Amino acid sequence: MFVYDERLGIRLPALERAWEEYSEKEQYDILLEWEKIRGAIPDRIAELEQTINQKQAELSDESDFSRSCRLNSEIAELASIINDLWIWYRLNQTVSARLHQ
């Protein structure tokens, strides 16, 4: 039901059929598992932010232009991952609300 996304570093839902085709128990189990994954997203974001900070520190001391470009690219990719993680975290707040109903 969930597949690991290498880029984001978390498992994402990969439902094989329409939501309504799952039993109530299966829906509950899926929502419960997603809530656990979703709860770990802020920690994953914090890890990535720490990596960005390290790369920014390297960048401030870097005089090699091509290495600076590479670091900037890496920072941009990490920022993109963080943005995608926040999207997953926020878009699925409604899913989490279902679990508590």
PDB file of N, CA and C in Angstrom:
ATOM      1  N   MET A   1       0.798  -1.197   0.000  1.00  0.00           N
ATOM      2  CA  MET A   1       0.000   0.000   0.000  1.00  0.00           C
ATOM      3  C   MET A   1       0.850   1.275   0.000  1.00  0.00           C
ATOM      4  N   PHE A   2       2.096   1.141   0.453  1.00  0.00           N
ATOM      5  CA  PHE A   2       3.007   2.267   0.486  1.00  0.00           C
ATOM      6  C   PHE A   2       4.308   1.859  -0.189  1.00  0.00           C
ATOM      7  N   VAL A   3       4.893   2.790  -0.921  1.00  0.00           N
ATOM      8  CA  VAL A   3       6.169   2.523  -1.577  1.00  0.00           C
ATOM      9  C   VAL A   3       7.167   3.592  -1.136  1.00  0.00           C
ATOM     10  N   TYR A   4       8.400   3.164  -0.977  1.00  0.00           N
ATOM     11  CA  TYR A   4       9.444   4.082  -0.545  1.00  0.00           C
ATOM     12  C   TYR A   4       9.836   4.989  -1.704  1.00  0.00           C
ATOM     13  N   ASP A   5       9.814   6.285  -1.460  1.00  0.00           N
ATOM     14  CA  ASP A   5      10.246   7.264  -2.447  1.00  0.00           C
ATOM     15  C   ASP A   5      11.679   7.659  -2.093  1.00  0.00           C
ATOM     16  N   GLU A   6      12.590   7.247  -2.942  1.00  0.00           N
ATOM     17  CA  GLU A   6      14.021   7.472  -2.697  1.00  0.00           C
ATOM     18  C   GLU A   6      14.334   8.959  -2.552  1.00  0.00           C
ATOM     19  N   ARG A   7      13.753   9.770  -3.407  1.00  0.00           N
ATOM     20  CA  ARG A   7      14.042  11.206  -3.402  1.00  0.00           C
ATOM     21  C   ARG A   7      13.566  11.867  -2.107  1.00  0.00           C
ATOM     22  N   LEU A   8      12.349  11.548  -1.690  1.00  0.00           N
ATOM     23  CA  LEU A   8      11.792  12.186  -0.502  1.00  0.00           C
ATOM     24  C   LEU A   8      12.258  11.527   0.795  1.00  0.00           C
ATOM     25  N   GLY A   9      12.647  10.270   0.709  1.00  0.00           N
ATOM     26  CA  GLY A   9      13.107   9.574   1.905  1.00  0.00           C
ATOM     27  C   GLY A   9      11.986   9.107   2.816  1.00  0.00           C
ATOM     28  N   ILE A  10      10.785   8.977   2.268  1.00  0.00           N
ATOM     29  CA  ILE A  10       9.637   8.469   3.035  1.00  0.00           C
ATOM     30  C   ILE A  10       8.836   7.522   2.145  1.00  0.00           C
ATOM     31  N   ARG A  11       7.941   6.780   2.787  1.00  0.00           N
ATOM     32  CA  ARG A  11       7.024   5.936   2.015  1.00  0.00           C
ATOM     33  C   ARG A  11       5.791   6.767   1.673  1.00  0.00           C
ATOM     34  N   LEU A  12       5.304   6.562   0.445  1.00  0.00           N
ATOM     35  CA  LEU A  12       4.128   7.281  -0.030  1.00  0.00           C
ATOM     36  C   LEU A  12       3.014   6.295  -0.354  1.00  0.00           C
ATOM     37  N   PRO A  13       1.762   6.753  -0.239  1.00  0.00           N
ATOM     38  CA  PRO A  13       0.645   5.869  -0.571  1.00  0.00           C
ATOM     39  C   PRO A  13       0.701   5.434  -2.036  1.00  0.00           C
ATOM     40  N   ALA A  14       0.417   4.171  -2.251  1.00  0.00           N
ATOM     41  CA  ALA A  14       0.348   3.619  -3.605  1.00  0.00           C
ATOM     42  C   ALA A  14      -0.844   2.665  -3.637  1.00  0.00           C
ATOM     43  N   LEU A  15      -2.021   3.253  -3.588  1.00  0.00           N
ATOM     44  CA  LEU A  15      -3.244   2.442  -3.542  1.00  0.00           C
ATOM     45  C   LEU A  15      -3.452   1.735  -4.867  1.00  0.00           C
ATOM     46  N   GLU A  16      -3.816   0.477  -4.780  1.00  0.00           N
ATOM     47  CA  GLU A  16      -3.966  -0.344  -5.970  1.00  0.00           C
ATOM     48  C   GLU A  16      -5.381  -0.321  -6.526  1.00  0.00           C
ATOM     49  N   ARG A  17      -6.300   0.243  -5.752  1.00  0.00           N
ATOM     50  CA  ARG A  17      -7.692   0.340  -6.213  1.00  0.00           C
ATOM     51  C   ARG A  17      -8.321   1.590  -5.619  1.00  0.00           C
ATOM     52  N   ALA A  18      -9.529   1.894  -6.045  1.00  0.00           N
ATOM     53  CA  ALA A  18     -10.227   3.082  -5.552  1.00  0.00           C
ATOM     54  C   ALA A  18     -10.450   2.963  -4.042  1.00  0.00           C
ATOM     55  N   TRP A  19     -10.404   4.095  -3.363  1.00  0.00           N
ATOM     56  CA  TRP A  19     -10.534   4.137  -1.905  1.00  0.00           C
ATOM     57  C   TRP A  19     -11.780   3.402  -1.421  1.00  0.00           C
ATOM     58  N   GLU A  20     -12.887   3.586  -2.131  1.00  0.00           N
ATOM     59  CA  GLU A  20     -14.165   3.000  -1.728  1.00  0.00           C
ATOM     60  C   GLU A  20     -14.148   1.470  -1.810  1.00  0.00           C
ATOM     61  N   GLU A  21     -13.220   0.921  -2.551  1.00  0.00           N
ATOM     62  CA  GLU A  21     -13.134  -0.536  -2.704  1.00  0.00           C
ATOM     63  C   GLU A  21     -12.440  -1.208  -1.520  1.00  0.00           C
ATOM     64  N   TYR A  22     -11.833  -0.429  -0.667  1.00  0.00           N
ATOM     65  CA  TYR A  22     -11.208  -0.986   0.531  1.00  0.00           C
ATOM     66  C   TYR A  22     -12.257  -1.094   1.631  1.00  0.00           C
ATOM     67  N   SER A  23     -12.149  -2.144   2.435  1.00  0.00           N
ATOM     68  CA  SER A  23     -13.066  -2.294   3.565  1.00  0.00           C
ATOM     69  C   SER A  23     -12.789  -1.184   4.579  1.00  0.00           C
ATOM     70  N   GLU A  24     -13.706  -1.011   5.499  1.00  0.00           N
ATOM     71  CA  GLU A  24     -13.519   0.001   6.542  1.00  0.00           C
ATOM     72  C   GLU A  24     -12.247  -0.270   7.339  1.00  0.00           C
ATOM     73  N   LYS A  25     -12.001  -1.528   7.647  1.00  0.00           N
ATOM     74  CA  LYS A  25     -10.792  -1.903   8.391  1.00  0.00           C
ATOM     75  C   LYS A  25      -9.541  -1.580   7.587  1.00  0.00           C
ATOM     76  N   GLU A  26      -9.552  -1.906   6.296  1.00  0.00           N
ATOM     77  CA  GLU A  26      -8.396  -1.606   5.446  1.00  0.00           C
ATOM     78  C   GLU A  26      -8.172  -0.101   5.363  1.00  0.00           C
ATOM     79  N   GLN A  27      -9.249   0.659   5.226  1.00  0.00           N
ATOM     80  CA  GLN A  27      -9.121   2.120   5.181  1.00  0.00           C
ATOM     81  C   GLN A  27      -8.517   2.637   6.470  1.00  0.00           C
ATOM     82  N   TYR A  28      -8.997   2.118   7.579  1.00  0.00           N
ATOM     83  CA  TYR A  28      -8.485   2.541   8.877  1.00  0.00           C
ATOM     84  C   TYR A  28      -6.989   2.216   8.995  1.00  0.00           C
ATOM     85  N   ASP A  29      -6.605   1.005   8.587  1.00  0.00           N
ATOM     86  CA  ASP A  29      -5.198   0.598   8.652  1.00  0.00           C
ATOM     87  C   ASP A  29      -4.315   1.470   7.765  1.00  0.00           C
ATOM     88  N   ILE A  30      -4.816   1.792   6.585  1.00  0.00           N
ATOM     89  CA  ILE A  30      -4.069   2.656   5.664  1.00  0.00           C
ATOM     90  C   ILE A  30      -3.896   4.041   6.277  1.00  0.00           C
ATOM     91  N   LEU A  31      -4.980   4.579   6.814  1.00  0.00           N
ATOM     92  CA  LEU A  31      -4.922   5.909   7.423  1.00  0.00           C
ATOM     93  C   LEU A  31      -3.987   5.930   8.632  1.00  0.00           C
ATOM     94  N   LEU A  32      -4.036   4.866   9.413  1.00  0.00           N
ATOM     95  CA  LEU A  32      -3.165   4.782  10.585  1.00  0.00           C
ATOM     96  C   LEU A  32      -1.697   4.750  10.167  1.00  0.00           C
ATOM     97  N   GLU A  33      -1.394   3.947   9.159  1.00  0.00           N
ATOM     98  CA  GLU A  33      -0.013   3.871   8.669  1.00  0.00           C
ATOM     99  C   GLU A  33       0.424   5.216   8.094  1.00  0.00           C
ATOM    100  N   TRP A  34      -0.467   5.857   7.323  1.00  0.00           N
ATOM    101  CA  TRP A  34      -0.120   7.158   6.759  1.00  0.00           C
ATOM    102  C   TRP A  34       0.136   8.182   7.859  1.00  0.00           C
ATOM    103  N   GLU A  35      -0.666   8.133   8.912  1.00  0.00           N
ATOM    104  CA  GLU A  35      -0.485   9.079  10.014  1.00  0.00           C
ATOM    105  C   GLU A  35       0.892   8.915  10.647  1.00  0.00           C
ATOM    106  N   LYS A  36       1.371   7.682  10.755  1.00  0.00           N
ATOM    107  CA  LYS A  36       2.720   7.443  11.295  1.00  0.00           C
ATOM    108  C   LYS A  36       3.776   8.048  10.363  1.00  0.00           C
ATOM    109  N   ILE A  37       3.612   7.799   9.075  1.00  0.00           N
ATOM    110  CA  ILE A  37       4.567   8.323   8.091  1.00  0.00           C
ATOM    111  C   ILE A  37       4.527   9.847   8.098  1.00  0.00           C
ATOM    112  N   ARG A  38       3.317  10.385   8.055  1.00  0.00           N
ATOM    113  CA  ARG A  38       3.127  11.840   8.032  1.00  0.00           C
ATOM    114  C   ARG A  38       3.763  12.493   9.265  1.00  0.00           C
ATOM    115  N   GLY A  39       3.650  11.828  10.405  1.00  0.00           N
ATOM    116  CA  GLY A  39       4.224  12.358  11.637  1.00  0.00           C
ATOM    117  C   GLY A  39       5.744  12.465  11.587  1.00  0.00           C
ATOM    118  N   ALA A  40       6.372  11.673  10.729  1.00  0.00           N
ATOM    119  CA  ALA A  40       7.829  11.693  10.617  1.00  0.00           C
ATOM    120  C   ALA A  40       8.331  12.731   9.610  1.00  0.00           C
ATOM    121  N   ILE A  41       7.416  13.307   8.832  1.00  0.00           N
ATOM    122  CA  ILE A  41       7.829  14.261   7.799  1.00  0.00           C
ATOM    123  C   ILE A  41       8.565  15.476   8.381  1.00  0.00           C
ATOM    124  N   PRO A  42       8.083  16.101   9.457  1.00  0.00           N
ATOM    125  CA  PRO A  42       8.845  17.243  10.000  1.00  0.00           C
ATOM    126  C   PRO A  42      10.275  16.882  10.407  1.00  0.00           C
ATOM    127  N   ASP A  43      10.481  15.669  10.914  1.00  0.00           N
ATOM    128  CA  ASP A  43      11.847  15.239  11.257  1.00  0.00           C
ATOM    129  C   ASP A  43      12.698  15.101  10.009  1.00  0.00           C
ATOM    130  N   ARG A  44      12.113  14.562   8.951  1.00  0.00           N
ATOM    131  CA  ARG A  44      12.835  14.417   7.675  1.00  0.00           C
ATOM    132  C   ARG A  44      13.207  15.801   7.143  1.00  0.00           C
ATOM    133  N   ILE A  45      12.289  16.744   7.240  1.00  0.00           N
ATOM    134  CA  ILE A  45      12.549  18.112   6.791  1.00  0.00           C
ATOM    135  C   ILE A  45      13.691  18.727   7.605  1.00  0.00           C
ATOM    136  N   ALA A  46      13.676  18.505   8.903  1.00  0.00           N
ATOM    137  CA  ALA A  46      14.744  19.042   9.766  1.00  0.00           C
ATOM    138  C   ALA A  46      16.106  18.475   9.364  1.00  0.00           C
ATOM    139  N   GLU A  47      16.157  17.187   9.018  1.00  0.00           N
ATOM    140  CA  GLU A  47      17.419  16.582   8.553  1.00  0.00           C
ATOM    141  C   GLU A  47      17.912  17.275   7.289  1.00  0.00           C
ATOM    142  N   LEU A  48      16.997  17.492   6.358  1.00  0.00           N
ATOM    143  CA  LEU A  48      17.373  18.132   5.095  1.00  0.00           C
ATOM    144  C   LEU A  48      17.806  19.582   5.309  1.00  0.00           C
ATOM    145  N   GLU A  49      17.133  20.276   6.211  1.00  0.00           N
ATOM    146  CA  GLU A  49      17.518  21.657   6.514  1.00  0.00           C
ATOM    147  C   GLU A  49      18.922  21.703   7.106  1.00  0.00           C
ATOM    148  N   GLN A  50      19.248  20.727   7.932  1.00  0.00           N
ATOM    149  CA  GLN A  50      20.593  20.668   8.514  1.00  0.00           C
ATOM    150  C   GLN A  50      21.636  20.464   7.405  1.00  0.00           C
ATOM    151  N   THR A  51      21.321  19.612   6.445  1.00  0.00           N
ATOM    152  CA  THR A  51      22.228  19.389   5.321  1.00  0.00           C
ATOM    153  C   THR A  51      22.387  20.657   4.497  1.00  0.00           C
ATOM    154  N   ILE A  52      21.283  21.378   4.289  1.00  0.00           N
ATOM    155  CA  ILE A  52      21.348  22.651   3.561  1.00  0.00           C
ATOM    156  C   ILE A  52      22.264  23.622   4.299  1.00  0.00           C
ATOM    157  N   ASN A  53      22.115  23.709   5.604  1.00  0.00           N
ATOM    158  CA  ASN A  53      22.950  24.623   6.400  1.00  0.00           C
ATOM    159  C   ASN A  53      24.430  24.279   6.267  1.00  0.00           C
ATOM    160  N   GLN A  54      24.739  22.990   6.265  1.00  0.00           N
ATOM    161  CA  GLN A  54      26.136  22.566   6.104  1.00  0.00           C
ATOM    162  C   GLN A  54      26.661  22.964   4.723  1.00  0.00           C
ATOM    163  N   LYS A  55      25.848  22.750   3.706  1.00  0.00           N
ATOM    164  CA  LYS A  55      26.261  23.091   2.342  1.00  0.00           C
ATOM    165  C   LYS A  55      26.396  24.606   2.173  1.00  0.00           C
ATOM    166  N   GLN A  56      25.534  25.374   2.828  1.00  0.00           N
ATOM    167  CA  GLN A  56      25.649  26.828   2.766  1.00  0.00           C
ATOM    168  C   GLN A  56      26.929  27.301   3.448  1.00  0.00           C
ATOM    169  N   ALA A  57      27.291  26.640   4.531  1.00  0.00           N
ATOM    170  CA  ALA A  57      28.542  26.983   5.217  1.00  0.00           C
ATOM    171  C   ALA A  57      29.732  26.675   4.305  1.00  0.00           C
ATOM    172  N   GLU A  58      29.687  25.533   3.626  1.00  0.00           N
ATOM    173  CA  GLU A  58      30.748  25.186   2.667  1.00  0.00           C
ATOM    174  C   GLU A  58      30.798  26.222   1.545  1.00  0.00           C
ATOM    175  N   LEU A  59      29.624  26.617   1.090  1.00  0.00           N
ATOM    176  CA  LEU A  59      29.526  27.562  -0.017  1.00  0.00           C
ATOM    177  C   LEU A  59      30.149  28.907   0.346  1.00  0.00           C
ATOM    178  N   SER A  60      29.973  29.347   1.577  1.00  0.00           N
ATOM    179  CA  SER A  60      30.508  30.646   1.977  1.00  0.00           C
ATOM    180  C   SER A  60      32.041  30.657   1.991  1.00  0.00           C
ATOM    181  N   ASP A  61      32.641  29.467   2.116  1.00  0.00           N
ATOM    182  CA  ASP A  61      34.100  29.371   2.130  1.00  0.00           C
ATOM    183  C   ASP A  61      34.678  28.865   0.815  1.00  0.00           C
ATOM    184  N   GLU A  62      33.832  28.658  -0.172  1.00  0.00           N
ATOM    185  CA  GLU A  62      34.271  28.046  -1.426  1.00  0.00           C
ATOM    186  C   GLU A  62      34.716  29.105  -2.430  1.00  0.00           C
ATOM    187  N   SER A  63      35.922  28.907  -2.983  1.00  0.00           N
ATOM    188  CA  SER A  63      36.420  29.848  -3.993  1.00  0.00           C
ATOM    189  C   SER A  63      36.419  29.231  -5.389  1.00  0.00           C
ATOM    190  N   ASP A  64      36.235  27.921  -5.464  1.00  0.00           N
ATOM    191  CA  ASP A  64      36.180  27.219  -6.753  1.00  0.00           C
ATOM    192  C   ASP A  64      34.781  27.405  -7.351  1.00  0.00           C
ATOM    193  N   PHE A  65      34.724  28.076  -8.500  1.00  0.00           N
ATOM    194  CA  PHE A  65      33.438  28.413  -9.106  1.00  0.00           C
ATOM    195  C   PHE A  65      32.594  27.178  -9.424  1.00  0.00           C
ATOM    196  N   SER A  66      33.197  26.145 -10.009  1.00  0.00           N
ATOM    197  CA  SER A  66      32.405  24.974 -10.380  1.00  0.00           C
ATOM    198  C   SER A  66      31.900  24.235  -9.133  1.00  0.00           C
ATOM    199  N   ARG A  67      32.690  24.208  -8.082  1.00  0.00           N
ATOM    200  CA  ARG A  67      32.216  23.598  -6.821  1.00  0.00           C
ATOM    201  C   ARG A  67      31.090  24.437  -6.230  1.00  0.00           C
ATOM    202  N   SER A  68      31.188  25.758  -6.322  1.00  0.00           N
ATOM    203  CA  SER A  68      30.116  26.638  -5.837  1.00  0.00           C
ATOM    204  C   SER A  68      28.814  26.362  -6.591  1.00  0.00           C
ATOM    205  N   CYS A  69      28.933  26.189  -7.898  1.00  0.00           N
ATOM    206  CA  CYS A  69      27.745  25.891  -8.717  1.00  0.00           C
ATOM    207  C   CYS A  69      27.133  24.561  -8.305  1.00  0.00           C
ATOM    208  N   ARG A  70      27.985  23.575  -8.060  1.00  0.00           N
ATOM    209  CA  ARG A  70      27.513  22.253  -7.650  1.00  0.00           C
ATOM    210  C   ARG A  70      26.796  22.339  -6.299  1.00  0.00           C
ATOM    211  N   LEU A  71      27.387  23.063  -5.356  1.00  0.00           N
ATOM    212  CA  LEU A  71      26.765  23.228  -4.040  1.00  0.00           C
ATOM    213  C   LEU A  71      25.420  23.940  -4.158  1.00  0.00           C
ATOM    214  N   ASN A  72      25.376  24.980  -4.991  1.00  0.00           N
ATOM    215  CA  ASN A  72      24.108  25.691  -5.201  1.00  0.00           C
ATOM    216  C   ASN A  72      23.042  24.757  -5.759  1.00  0.00           C
ATOM    217  N   SER A  73      23.433  23.908  -6.692  1.00  0.00           N
ATOM    218  CA  SER A  73      22.507  22.935  -7.277  1.00  0.00           C
ATOM    219  C   SER A  73      21.999  21.955  -6.223  1.00  0.00           C
ATOM    220  N   GLU A  74      22.909  21.473  -5.399  1.00  0.00           N
ATOM    221  CA  GLU A  74      22.531  20.535  -4.344  1.00  0.00           C
ATOM    222  C   GLU A  74      21.579  21.189  -3.345  1.00  0.00           C
ATOM    223  N   ILE A  75      21.853  22.425  -2.991  1.00  0.00           N
ATOM    224  CA  ILE A  75      20.987  23.166  -2.069  1.00  0.00           C
ATOM    225  C   ILE A  75      19.606  23.345  -2.681  1.00  0.00           C
ATOM    226  N   ALA A  76      19.557  23.697  -3.962  1.00  0.00           N
ATOM    227  CA  ALA A  76      18.270  23.877  -4.642  1.00  0.00           C
ATOM    228  C   ALA A  76      17.470  22.570  -4.668  1.00  0.00           C
ATOM    229  N   GLU A  77      18.143  21.456  -4.912  1.00  0.00           N
ATOM    230  CA  GLU A  77      17.451  20.158  -4.938  1.00  0.00           C
ATOM    231  C   GLU A  77      16.913  19.804  -3.553  1.00  0.00           C
ATOM    232  N   LEU A  78      17.705  20.041  -2.521  1.00  0.00           N
ATOM    233  CA  LEU A  78      17.241  19.779  -1.155  1.00  0.00           C
ATOM    234  C   LEU A  78      16.045  20.656  -0.799  1.00  0.00           C
ATOM    235  N   ALA A  79      16.084  21.911  -1.216  1.00  0.00           N
ATOM    236  CA  ALA A  79      14.959  22.814  -0.966  1.00  0.00           C
ATOM    237  C   ALA A  79      13.709  22.331  -1.697  1.00  0.00           C
ATOM    238  N   SER A  80      13.884  21.807  -2.893  1.00  0.00           N
ATOM    239  CA  SER A  80      12.764  21.261  -3.655  1.00  0.00           C
ATOM    240  C   SER A  80      12.156  20.048  -2.946  1.00  0.00           C
ATOM    241  N   ILE A  81      13.006  19.204  -2.397  1.00  0.00           N
ATOM    242  CA  ILE A  81      12.525  18.034  -1.653  1.00  0.00           C
ATOM    243  C   ILE A  81      11.729  18.482  -0.431  1.00  0.00           C
ATOM    244  N   ILE A  82      12.258  19.477   0.282  1.00  0.00           N
ATOM    245  CA  ILE A  82      11.551  20.008   1.452  1.00  0.00           C
ATOM    246  C   ILE A  82      10.180  20.537   1.044  1.00  0.00           C
ATOM    247  N   ASN A  83      10.126  21.270  -0.048  1.00  0.00           N
ATOM    248  CA  ASN A  83       8.854  21.794  -0.525  1.00  0.00           C
ATOM    249  C   ASN A  83       7.868  20.654  -0.810  1.00  0.00           C
ATOM    250  N   ASP A  84       8.332  19.614  -1.492  1.00  0.00           N
ATOM    251  CA  ASP A  84       7.462  18.469  -1.794  1.00  0.00           C
ATOM    252  C   ASP A  84       6.990  17.762  -0.532  1.00  0.00           C
ATOM    253  N   LEU A  85       7.876  17.646   0.446  1.00  0.00           N
ATOM    254  CA  LEU A  85       7.483  17.023   1.710  1.00  0.00           C
ATOM    255  C   LEU A  85       6.411  17.837   2.419  1.00  0.00           C
ATOM    256  N   TRP A  86       6.551  19.165   2.422  1.00  0.00           N
ATOM    257  CA  TRP A  86       5.522  20.013   3.047  1.00  0.00           C
ATOM    258  C   TRP A  86       4.190  19.876   2.310  1.00  0.00           C
ATOM    259  N   ILE A  87       4.249  19.752   1.000  1.00  0.00           N
ATOM    260  CA  ILE A  87       3.012  19.554   0.229  1.00  0.00           C
ATOM    261  C   ILE A  87       2.332  18.252   0.674  1.00  0.00           C
ATOM    262  N   TRP A  88       3.088  17.166   0.748  1.00  0.00           N
ATOM    263  CA  TRP A  88       2.506  15.901   1.209  1.00  0.00           C
ATOM    264  C   TRP A  88       1.961  16.042   2.619  1.00  0.00           C
ATOM    265  N   TYR A  89       2.684  16.722   3.467  1.00  0.00           N
ATOM    266  CA  TYR A  89       2.261  16.882   4.858  1.00  0.00           C
ATOM    267  C   TYR A  89       0.954  17.665   4.947  1.00  0.00           C
ATOM    268  N   ARG A  90       0.858  18.762   4.209  1.00  0.00           N
ATOM    269  CA  ARG A  90      -0.324  19.620   4.292  1.00  0.00           C
ATOM    270  C   ARG A  90      -1.520  19.069   3.528  1.00  0.00           C
ATOM    271  N   LEU A  91      -1.281  18.523   2.353  1.00  0.00           N
ATOM    272  CA  LEU A  91      -2.397  18.006   1.555  1.00  0.00           C
ATOM    273  C   LEU A  91      -3.121  16.883   2.259  1.00  0.00           C
ATOM    274  N   ASN A  92      -2.445  16.176   3.077  1.00  0.00           N
ATOM    275  CA  ASN A  92      -3.038  15.010   3.704  1.00  0.00           C
ATOM    276  C   ASN A  92      -3.542  15.261   5.118  1.00  0.00           C
ATOM    277  N   GLN A  93      -3.688  16.523   5.498  1.00  0.00           N
ATOM    278  CA  GLN A  93      -4.279  16.824   6.799  1.00  0.00           C
ATOM    279  C   GLN A  93      -5.736  16.363   6.823  1.00  0.00           C
ATOM    280  N   THR A  94      -6.410  16.450   5.675  1.00  0.00           N
ATOM    281  CA  THR A  94      -7.801  16.000   5.617  1.00  0.00           C
ATOM    282  C   THR A  94      -7.888  14.488   5.782  1.00  0.00           C
ATOM    283  N   VAL A  95      -6.892  13.782   5.271  1.00  0.00           N
ATOM    284  CA  VAL A  95      -6.849  12.330   5.441  1.00  0.00           C
ATOM    285  C   VAL A  95      -6.704  12.007   6.921  1.00  0.00           C
ATOM    286  N   SER A  96      -5.842  12.731   7.592  1.00  0.00           N
ATOM    287  CA  SER A  96      -5.630  12.501   9.016  1.00  0.00           C
ATOM    288  C   SER A  96      -6.900  12.785   9.815  1.00  0.00           C
ATOM    289  N   ALA A  97      -7.654  13.771   9.381  1.00  0.00           N
ATOM    290  CA  ALA A  97      -8.902  14.103  10.070  1.00  0.00           C
ATOM    291  C   ALA A  97      -9.874  12.923  10.005  1.00  0.00           C
ATOM    292  N   ARG A  98      -9.873  12.189   8.901  1.00  0.00           N
ATOM    293  CA  ARG A  98     -10.754  11.019   8.764  1.00  0.00           C
ATOM    294  C   ARG A  98     -10.445   9.963   9.808  1.00  0.00           C
ATOM    295  N   LEU A  99      -9.196   9.818  10.124  1.00  0.00           N
ATOM    296  CA  LEU A  99      -8.774   8.809  11.084  1.00  0.00           C
ATOM    297  C   LEU A  99      -9.386   9.072  12.447  1.00  0.00           C
ATOM    298  N   HIS A 100      -9.559  10.321  12.782  1.00  0.00           N
ATOM    299  CA  HIS A 100     -10.044  10.680  14.112  1.00  0.00           C
ATOM    300  C   HIS A 100     -11.562  10.828  14.178  1.00  0.00           C
ATOM    301  N   GLN A 101     -12.237  10.514  13.101  1.00  0.00           N
ATOM    302  CA  GLN A 101     -13.711  10.608  13.110  1.00  0.00           C
ATOM    303  C   GLN A 101     -14.341   9.332  13.615  1.00  0.00           C
TER     304      GLN A 101
END
